[in-house]
PDB file of N, CA and C in Angstrom:
ATOM      1  N   MET A   1      56.257   3.614 -80.996  1.00  0.00           N
ATOM      2  CA  MET A   1      57.057   4.547 -80.222  1.00  0.00           C
ATOM      3  C   MET A   1      58.433   3.935 -79.978  1.00  0.00           C
ATOM      4  N   HIS A   2      59.476   4.725 -80.147  1.00  0.00           N
ATOM      5  CA  HIS A   2      60.854   4.244 -79.997  1.00  0.00           C
ATOM      6  C   HIS A   2      61.273   4.342 -78.541  1.00  0.00           C
ATOM      7  N   ASP A   3      61.806   3.248 -78.025  1.00  0.00           N
ATOM      8  CA  ASP A   3      62.256   3.205 -76.635  1.00  0.00           C
ATOM      9  C   ASP A   3      63.719   3.638 -76.571  1.00  0.00           C
ATOM     10  N   ASN A   4      63.995   4.763 -75.900  1.00  0.00           N
ATOM     11  CA  ASN A   4      65.355   5.277 -75.786  1.00  0.00           C
ATOM     12  C   ASN A   4      66.062   4.805 -74.528  1.00  0.00           C
ATOM     13  N   SER A   5      65.453   3.920 -73.763  1.00  0.00           N
ATOM     14  CA  SER A   5      66.116   3.438 -72.555  1.00  0.00           C
ATOM     15  C   SER A   5      67.034   2.286 -72.931  1.00  0.00           C
ATOM     16  N   TYR A   6      68.227   2.297 -72.357  1.00  0.00           N
ATOM     17  CA  TYR A   6      69.217   1.283 -72.673  1.00  0.00           C
ATOM     18  C   TYR A   6      69.649   0.561 -71.413  1.00  0.00           C
ATOM     19  N   THR A   7      69.798  -0.720 -71.556  1.00  0.00           N
ATOM     20  CA  THR A   7      70.381  -1.499 -70.471  1.00  0.00           C
ATOM     21  C   THR A   7      71.827  -1.765 -70.846  1.00  0.00           C
ATOM     22  N   PHE A   8      72.591  -2.215 -69.903  1.00  0.00           N
ATOM     23  CA  PHE A   8      74.004  -2.499 -70.155  1.00  0.00           C
ATOM     24  C   PHE A   8      74.156  -3.450 -71.336  1.00  0.00           C
ATOM     25  N   GLY A   9      73.289  -4.408 -71.437  1.00  0.00           N
ATOM     26  CA  GLY A   9      73.393  -5.411 -72.487  1.00  0.00           C
ATOM     27  C   GLY A   9      73.097  -4.903 -73.881  1.00  0.00           C
ATOM     28  N   ASN A  10      72.188  -3.929 -74.022  1.00  0.00           N
ATOM     29  CA  ASN A  10      71.829  -3.525 -75.375  1.00  0.00           C
ATOM     30  C   ASN A  10      72.524  -2.253 -75.848  1.00  0.00           C
ATOM     31  N   VAL A  11      73.355  -1.634 -75.054  1.00  0.00           N
ATOM     32  CA  VAL A  11      74.070  -0.437 -75.475  1.00  0.00           C
ATOM     33  C   VAL A  11      75.006  -0.771 -76.628  1.00  0.00           C
ATOM     34  N   GLU A  12      75.740  -1.872 -76.505  1.00  0.00           N
ATOM     35  CA  GLU A  12      76.683  -2.259 -77.551  1.00  0.00           C
ATOM     36  C   GLU A  12      75.956  -2.481 -78.880  1.00  0.00           C
ATOM     37  N   GLU A  13      74.808  -3.145 -78.851  1.00  0.00           N
ATOM     38  CA  GLU A  13      74.055  -3.368 -80.078  1.00  0.00           C
ATOM     39  C   GLU A  13      73.540  -2.053 -80.644  1.00  0.00           C
ATOM     40  N   HIS A  14      73.109  -1.155 -79.786  1.00  0.00           N
ATOM     41  CA  HIS A  14      72.636   0.156 -80.238  1.00  0.00           C
ATOM     42  C   HIS A  14      73.757   0.895 -80.961  1.00  0.00           C
ATOM     43  N   VAL A  15      74.963   0.856 -80.420  1.00  0.00           N
ATOM     44  CA  VAL A  15      76.105   1.530 -81.035  1.00  0.00           C
ATOM     45  C   VAL A  15      76.400   0.914 -82.391  1.00  0.00           C
ATOM     46  N   LYS A  16      76.344  -0.421 -82.500  1.00  0.00           N
ATOM     47  CA  LYS A  16      76.610  -1.097 -83.765  1.00  0.00           C
ATOM     48  C   LYS A  16      75.586  -0.716 -84.832  1.00  0.00           C
ATOM     49  N   GLU A  17      74.337  -0.440 -84.421  1.00  0.00           N
ATOM     50  CA  GLU A  17      73.270  -0.118 -85.360  1.00  0.00           C
ATOM     51  C   GLU A  17      73.405   1.279 -85.946  1.00  0.00           C
ATOM     52  N   HIS A  18      74.171   2.170 -85.331  1.00  0.00           N
ATOM     53  CA  HIS A  18      74.247   3.552 -85.758  1.00  0.00           C
ATOM     54  C   HIS A  18      75.605   3.878 -86.354  1.00  0.00           C
ATOM     55  N   ASP A  19      75.585   4.814 -87.277  1.00  0.00           N
ATOM     56  CA  ASP A  19      76.825   5.266 -87.909  1.00  0.00           C
ATOM     57  C   ASP A  19      77.634   6.033 -86.880  1.00  0.00           C
ATOM     58  N   ASP A  20      78.826   5.536 -86.570  1.00  0.00           N
ATOM     59  CA  ASP A  20      79.649   6.179 -85.554  1.00  0.00           C
ATOM     60  C   ASP A  20      80.690   7.106 -86.155  1.00  0.00           C
ATOM     61  N   SER A  21      80.565   7.417 -87.442  1.00  0.00           N
ATOM     62  CA  SER A  21      81.555   8.294 -88.072  1.00  0.00           C
ATOM     63  C   SER A  21      81.536   9.684 -87.442  1.00  0.00           C
ATOM     64  N   LYS A  22      80.375  10.147 -87.011  1.00  0.00           N
ATOM     65  CA  LYS A  22      80.300  11.455 -86.357  1.00  0.00           C
ATOM     66  C   LYS A  22      81.034  11.418 -85.019  1.00  0.00           C
ATOM     67  N   ILE A  23      80.890  10.332 -84.302  1.00  0.00           N
ATOM     68  CA  ILE A  23      81.562  10.213 -83.012  1.00  0.00           C
ATOM     69  C   ILE A  23      83.066  10.137 -83.212  1.00  0.00           C
ATOM     70  N   LYS A  24      83.516   9.373 -84.192  1.00  0.00           N
ATOM     71  CA  LYS A  24      84.943   9.258 -84.458  1.00  0.00           C
ATOM     72  C   LYS A  24      85.541  10.587 -84.882  1.00  0.00           C
ATOM     73  N   ALA A  25      84.746  11.425 -85.553  1.00  0.00           N
ATOM     74  CA  ALA A  25      85.238  12.708 -86.040  1.00  0.00           C
ATOM     75  C   ALA A  25      85.273  13.776 -84.947  1.00  0.00           C
ATOM     76  N   MET A  26      84.628  13.516 -83.831  1.00  0.00           N
ATOM     77  CA  MET A  26      84.584  14.498 -82.753  1.00  0.00           C
ATOM     78  C   MET A  26      85.939  14.569 -82.049  1.00  0.00           C
ATOM     79  N   PRO A  27      86.343  15.781 -81.664  1.00  0.00           N
ATOM     80  CA  PRO A  27      87.613  15.892 -80.940  1.00  0.00           C
ATOM     81  C   PRO A  27      87.481  15.319 -79.537  1.00  0.00           C
ATOM     82  N   PRO A  28      88.576  14.810 -78.993  1.00  0.00           N
ATOM     83  CA  PRO A  28      88.517  14.271 -77.633  1.00  0.00           C
ATOM     84  C   PRO A  28      88.294  15.389 -76.620  1.00  0.00           C
ATOM     85  N   LEU A  29      87.707  15.042 -75.507  1.00  0.00           N
ATOM     86  CA  LEU A  29      87.499  15.985 -74.410  1.00  0.00           C
ATOM     87  C   LEU A  29      88.445  15.626 -73.279  1.00  0.00           C
ATOM     88  N   PHE A  30      89.024  16.643 -72.661  1.00  0.00           N
ATOM     89  CA  PHE A  30      89.978  16.456 -71.585  1.00  0.00           C
ATOM     90  C   PHE A  30      89.382  16.955 -70.277  1.00  0.00           C
ATOM     91  N   THR A  31      89.764  16.332 -69.175  1.00  0.00           N
ATOM     92  CA  THR A  31      89.276  16.716 -67.850  1.00  0.00           C
ATOM     93  C   THR A  31      90.152  17.828 -67.268  1.00  0.00           C
ATOM     94  N   THR A  32      89.676  18.406 -66.199  1.00  0.00           N
ATOM     95  CA  THR A  32      90.435  19.433 -65.489  1.00  0.00           C
ATOM     96  C   THR A  32      91.772  18.882 -65.009  1.00  0.00           C
ATOM     97  N   SER A  33      91.764  17.667 -64.491  1.00  0.00           N
ATOM     98  CA  SER A  33      93.003  17.044 -64.017  1.00  0.00           C
ATOM     99  C   SER A  33      93.988  16.822 -65.156  1.00  0.00           C
ATOM    100  N   GLU A  34      93.492  16.401 -66.308  1.00  0.00           N
ATOM    101  CA  GLU A  34      94.369  16.187 -67.457  1.00  0.00           C
ATOM    102  C   GLU A  34      94.979  17.504 -67.940  1.00  0.00           C
ATOM    103  N   ILE A  35      94.182  18.578 -67.915  1.00  0.00           N
ATOM    104  CA  ILE A  35      94.685  19.895 -68.310  1.00  0.00           C
ATOM    105  C   ILE A  35      95.758  20.348 -67.324  1.00  0.00           C
ATOM    106  N   ALA A  36      95.507  20.158 -66.041  1.00  0.00           N
ATOM    107  CA  ALA A  36      96.486  20.549 -65.015  1.00  0.00           C
ATOM    108  C   ALA A  36      97.796  19.797 -65.218  1.00  0.00           C
ATOM    109  N   GLU A  37      97.704  18.509 -65.479  1.00  0.00           N
ATOM    110  CA  GLU A  37      98.909  17.710 -65.689  1.00  0.00           C
ATOM    111  C   GLU A  37      99.655  18.189 -66.937  1.00  0.00           C
ATOM    112  N   TYR A  38      98.934  18.436 -68.012  1.00  0.00           N
ATOM    113  CA  TYR A  38      99.550  18.879 -69.261  1.00  0.00           C
ATOM    114  C   TYR A  38     100.248  20.229 -69.088  1.00  0.00           C
ATOM    115  N   LEU A  39      99.576  21.158 -68.392  1.00  0.00           N
ATOM    116  CA  LEU A  39     100.150  22.497 -68.188  1.00  0.00           C
ATOM    117  C   LEU A  39     101.143  22.537 -67.037  1.00  0.00           C
ATOM    118  N   GLN A  40     101.245  21.443 -66.306  1.00  0.00           N
ATOM    119  CA  GLN A  40     102.137  21.341 -65.141  1.00  0.00           C
ATOM    120  C   GLN A  40     101.795  22.393 -64.083  1.00  0.00           C
ATOM    121  N   VAL A  41     100.489  22.478 -63.793  1.00  0.00           N
ATOM    122  CA  VAL A  41      99.978  23.364 -62.751  1.00  0.00           C
ATOM    123  C   VAL A  41      98.997  22.567 -61.902  1.00  0.00           C
ATOM    124  N   SER A  42      98.548  23.151 -60.816  1.00  0.00           N
ATOM    125  CA  SER A  42      97.564  22.475 -59.970  1.00  0.00           C
ATOM    126  C   SER A  42      96.165  22.609 -60.566  1.00  0.00           C
ATOM    127  N   THR A  43      95.262  21.745 -60.113  1.00  0.00           N
ATOM    128  CA  THR A  43      93.874  21.876 -60.568  1.00  0.00           C
ATOM    129  C   THR A  43      93.280  23.192 -60.075  1.00  0.00           C
ATOM    130  N   SER A  44      93.730  23.689 -58.934  1.00  0.00           N
ATOM    131  CA  SER A  44      93.259  24.991 -58.439  1.00  0.00           C
ATOM    132  C   SER A  44      93.600  26.100 -59.432  1.00  0.00           C
ATOM    133  N   THR A  45      94.785  26.013 -60.022  1.00  0.00           N
ATOM    134  CA  THR A  45      95.180  27.002 -61.026  1.00  0.00           C
ATOM    135  C   THR A  45      94.286  26.899 -62.251  1.00  0.00           C
ATOM    136  N   VAL A  46      93.965  25.684 -62.665  1.00  0.00           N
ATOM    137  CA  VAL A  46      93.070  25.503 -63.812  1.00  0.00           C
ATOM    138  C   VAL A  46      91.712  26.125 -63.513  1.00  0.00           C
ATOM    139  N   TYR A  47      91.174  25.871 -62.325  1.00  0.00           N
ATOM    140  CA  TYR A  47      89.882  26.458 -61.958  1.00  0.00           C
ATOM    141  C   TYR A  47      89.961  27.988 -61.923  1.00  0.00           C
ATOM    142  N   ARG A  48      91.081  28.536 -61.467  1.00  0.00           N
ATOM    143  CA  ARG A  48      91.255  29.997 -61.457  1.00  0.00           C
ATOM    144  C   ARG A  48      91.287  30.537 -62.884  1.00  0.00           C
ATOM    145  N   LEU A  49      91.969  29.853 -63.778  1.00  0.00           N
ATOM    146  CA  LEU A  49      92.018  30.273 -65.180  1.00  0.00           C
ATOM    147  C   LEU A  49      90.621  30.270 -65.804  1.00  0.00           C
ATOM    148  N   ILE A  50      89.827  29.282 -65.449  1.00  0.00           N
ATOM    149  CA  ILE A  50      88.446  29.211 -65.938  1.00  0.00           C
ATOM    150  C   ILE A  50      87.641  30.370 -65.367  1.00  0.00           C
ATOM    151  N   ARG A  51      87.733  30.561 -64.062  1.00  0.00           N
ATOM    152  CA  ARG A  51      86.993  31.632 -63.392  1.00  0.00           C
ATOM    153  C   ARG A  51      87.358  33.006 -63.967  1.00  0.00           C
ATOM    154  N   ASP A  52      88.651  33.208 -64.271  1.00  0.00           N
ATOM    155  CA  ASP A  52      89.117  34.488 -64.810  1.00  0.00           C
ATOM    156  C   ASP A  52      88.820  34.649 -66.291  1.00  0.00           C
ATOM    157  N   GLY A  53      88.301  33.596 -66.930  1.00  0.00           N
ATOM    158  CA  GLY A  53      87.946  33.677 -68.345  1.00  0.00           C
ATOM    159  C   GLY A  53      89.108  33.431 -69.298  1.00  0.00           C
ATOM    160  N   ALA A  54      90.260  33.048 -68.766  1.00  0.00           N
ATOM    161  CA  ALA A  54      91.428  32.802 -69.611  1.00  0.00           C
ATOM    162  C   ALA A  54      91.346  31.457 -70.322  1.00  0.00           C
ATOM    163  N   LEU A  55      90.706  30.484 -69.706  1.00  0.00           N
ATOM    164  CA  LEU A  55      90.573  29.145 -70.272  1.00  0.00           C
ATOM    165  C   LEU A  55      89.094  28.841 -70.438  1.00  0.00           C
ATOM    166  N   LYS A  56      88.709  28.526 -71.655  1.00  0.00           N
ATOM    167  CA  LYS A  56      87.308  28.200 -71.951  1.00  0.00           C
ATOM    168  C   LYS A  56      87.142  26.692 -71.990  1.00  0.00           C
ATOM    169  N   GLY A  57      85.955  26.238 -71.650  1.00  0.00           N
ATOM    170  CA  GLY A  57      85.630  24.820 -71.697  1.00  0.00           C
ATOM    171  C   GLY A  57      84.127  24.659 -71.808  1.00  0.00           C
ATOM    172  N   VAL A  58      83.654  23.448 -71.640  1.00  0.00           N
ATOM    173  CA  VAL A  58      82.222  23.172 -71.655  1.00  0.00           C
ATOM    174  C   VAL A  58      81.858  22.395 -70.401  1.00  0.00           C
ATOM    175  N   ARG A  59      80.659  22.583 -69.966  1.00  0.00           N
ATOM    176  CA  ARG A  59      80.166  21.846 -68.814  1.00  0.00           C
ATOM    177  C   ARG A  59      79.322  20.685 -69.326  1.00  0.00           C
ATOM    178  N   VAL A  60      79.657  19.506 -68.870  1.00  0.00           N
ATOM    179  CA  VAL A  60      78.898  18.295 -69.178  1.00  0.00           C
ATOM    180  C   VAL A  60      78.376  17.789 -67.846  1.00  0.00           C
ATOM    181  N   GLY A  61      77.109  18.032 -67.602  1.00  0.00           N
ATOM    182  CA  GLY A  61      76.559  17.742 -66.275  1.00  0.00           C
ATOM    183  C   GLY A  61      77.231  18.671 -65.282  1.00  0.00           C
ATOM    184  N   GLN A  62      77.856  18.115 -64.280  1.00  0.00           N
ATOM    185  CA  GLN A  62      78.575  18.932 -63.305  1.00  0.00           C
ATOM    186  C   GLN A  62      80.072  18.977 -63.574  1.00  0.00           C
ATOM    187  N   SER A  63      80.502  18.314 -64.645  1.00  0.00           N
ATOM    188  CA  SER A  63      81.923  18.231 -64.961  1.00  0.00           C
ATOM    189  C   SER A  63      82.315  19.251 -66.024  1.00  0.00           C
ATOM    190  N   LEU A  64      83.555  19.680 -65.971  1.00  0.00           N
ATOM    191  CA  LEU A  64      84.103  20.542 -67.006  1.00  0.00           C
ATOM    192  C   LEU A  64      84.938  19.706 -67.951  1.00  0.00           C
ATOM    193  N   ARG A  65      84.827  19.994 -69.241  1.00  0.00           N
ATOM    194  CA  ARG A  65      85.623  19.309 -70.245  1.00  0.00           C
ATOM    195  C   ARG A  65      86.191  20.342 -71.206  1.00  0.00           C
ATOM    196  N   PHE A  66      87.329  19.981 -71.836  1.00  0.00           N
ATOM    197  CA  PHE A  66      88.048  20.916 -72.694  1.00  0.00           C
ATOM    198  C   PHE A  66      88.444  20.217 -73.986  1.00  0.00           C
ATOM    199  N   THR A  67      88.336  20.940 -75.089  1.00  0.00           N
ATOM    200  CA  THR A  67      88.791  20.417 -76.364  1.00  0.00           C
ATOM    201  C   THR A  67      90.239  20.837 -76.576  1.00  0.00           C
ATOM    202  N   ARG A  68      90.871  20.225 -77.542  1.00  0.00           N
ATOM    203  CA  ARG A  68      92.234  20.607 -77.899  1.00  0.00           C
ATOM    204  C   ARG A  68      92.272  22.081 -78.308  1.00  0.00           C
ATOM    205  N   LYS A  69      91.220  22.547 -78.997  1.00  0.00           N
ATOM    206  CA  LYS A  69      91.158  23.956 -79.410  1.00  0.00           C
ATOM    207  C   LYS A  69      91.100  24.884 -78.199  1.00  0.00           C
ATOM    208  N   ASN A  70      90.366  24.506 -77.152  1.00  0.00           N
ATOM    209  CA  ASN A  70      90.333  25.306 -75.923  1.00  0.00           C
ATOM    210  C   ASN A  70      91.736  25.498 -75.374  1.00  0.00           C
ATOM    211  N   ILE A  71      92.505  24.423 -75.366  1.00  0.00           N
ATOM    212  CA  ILE A  71      93.862  24.466 -74.826  1.00  0.00           C
ATOM    213  C   ILE A  71      94.768  25.309 -75.729  1.00  0.00           C
ATOM    214  N   GLU A  72      94.658  25.079 -77.046  1.00  0.00           N
ATOM    215  CA  GLU A  72      95.483  25.836 -77.988  1.00  0.00           C
ATOM    216  C   GLU A  72      95.180  27.334 -77.913  1.00  0.00           C
ATOM    217  N   ASP A  73      93.891  27.684 -77.807  1.00  0.00           N
ATOM    218  CA  ASP A  73      93.504  29.099 -77.690  1.00  0.00           C
ATOM    219  C   ASP A  73      94.099  29.720 -76.436  1.00  0.00           C
ATOM    220  N   PHE A  74      94.045  28.975 -75.327  1.00  0.00           N
ATOM    221  CA  PHE A  74      94.616  29.479 -74.083  1.00  0.00           C
ATOM    222  C   PHE A  74      96.123  29.701 -74.234  1.00  0.00           C
ATOM    223  N   LEU A  75      96.812  28.715 -74.785  1.00  0.00           N
ATOM    224  CA  LEU A  75      98.265  28.833 -74.940  1.00  0.00           C
ATOM    225  C   LEU A  75      98.632  29.971 -75.897  1.00  0.00           C
ATOM    226  N   ASP A  76      97.841  30.158 -76.951  1.00  0.00           N
ATOM    227  CA  ASP A  76      98.087  31.275 -77.874  1.00  0.00           C
ATOM    228  C   ASP A  76      97.940  32.605 -77.165  1.00  0.00           C
ATOM    229  N   SER A  77      96.970  32.697 -76.261  1.00  0.00           N
ATOM    230  CA  SER A  77      96.746  33.958 -75.542  1.00  0.00           C
ATOM    231  C   SER A  77      97.868  34.247 -74.540  1.00  0.00           C
ATOM    232  N   CYS A  78      98.611  33.208 -74.170  1.00  0.00           N
ATOM    233  CA  CYS A  78      99.704  33.373 -73.205  1.00  0.00           C
ATOM    234  C   CYS A  78     101.064  33.541 -73.869  1.00  0.00           C
ATOM    235  N   ALA A  79     101.082  33.431 -75.191  1.00  0.00           N
ATOM    236  CA  ALA A  79     102.361  33.457 -75.909  1.00  0.00           C
ATOM    237  C   ALA A  79     103.068  34.798 -75.701  1.00  0.00           C
ATOM    238  N   VAL A  80     104.373  34.723 -75.569  1.00  0.00           N
ATOM    239  CA  VAL A  80     105.188  35.923 -75.442  1.00  0.00           C
ATOM    240  C   VAL A  80     106.172  35.957 -76.599  1.00  0.00           C
ATOM    241  N   ASP A  81     106.557  37.159 -76.981  1.00  0.00           N
ATOM    242  CA  ASP A  81     107.578  37.251 -78.003  1.00  0.00           C
ATOM    243  C   ASP A  81     108.853  37.774 -77.362  1.00  0.00           C
ATOM    244  N   GLU A  82     109.880  37.929 -78.129  1.00  0.00           N
ATOM    245  CA  GLU A  82     111.182  38.298 -77.560  1.00  0.00           C
ATOM    246  C   GLU A  82     111.184  39.693 -76.964  1.00  0.00           C
ATOM    247  N   ASN A  83     110.187  40.513 -77.276  1.00  0.00           N
ATOM    248  CA  ASN A  83     110.118  41.880 -76.718  1.00  0.00           C
ATOM    249  C   ASN A  83     109.442  41.938 -75.358  1.00  0.00           C
ATOM    250  N   ASP A  84     108.842  40.834 -74.927  1.00  0.00           N
ATOM    251  CA  ASP A  84     108.134  40.829 -73.628  1.00  0.00           C
ATOM    252  C   ASP A  84     109.067  40.494 -72.498  1.00  0.00           C
TER     253      ASP A  84
END
């Protein structure tokens, strides 16, 4: 039986034993605070955008995280042209 419990000492060895190419290929995840800073708005505004369905993200445990695509999709939906 394979033991999936890791201690601080053996996590590094576990990572070395596995191909990390999938992890390296994964897009970075951004926090609510990082999104607020990038958009130059408050975190309350970010939470409102999420609640209103304008900004999509994923929940990891109790935390919200966002991919670059989530941010790009949101910005595309807010784009205005010269006629607006």
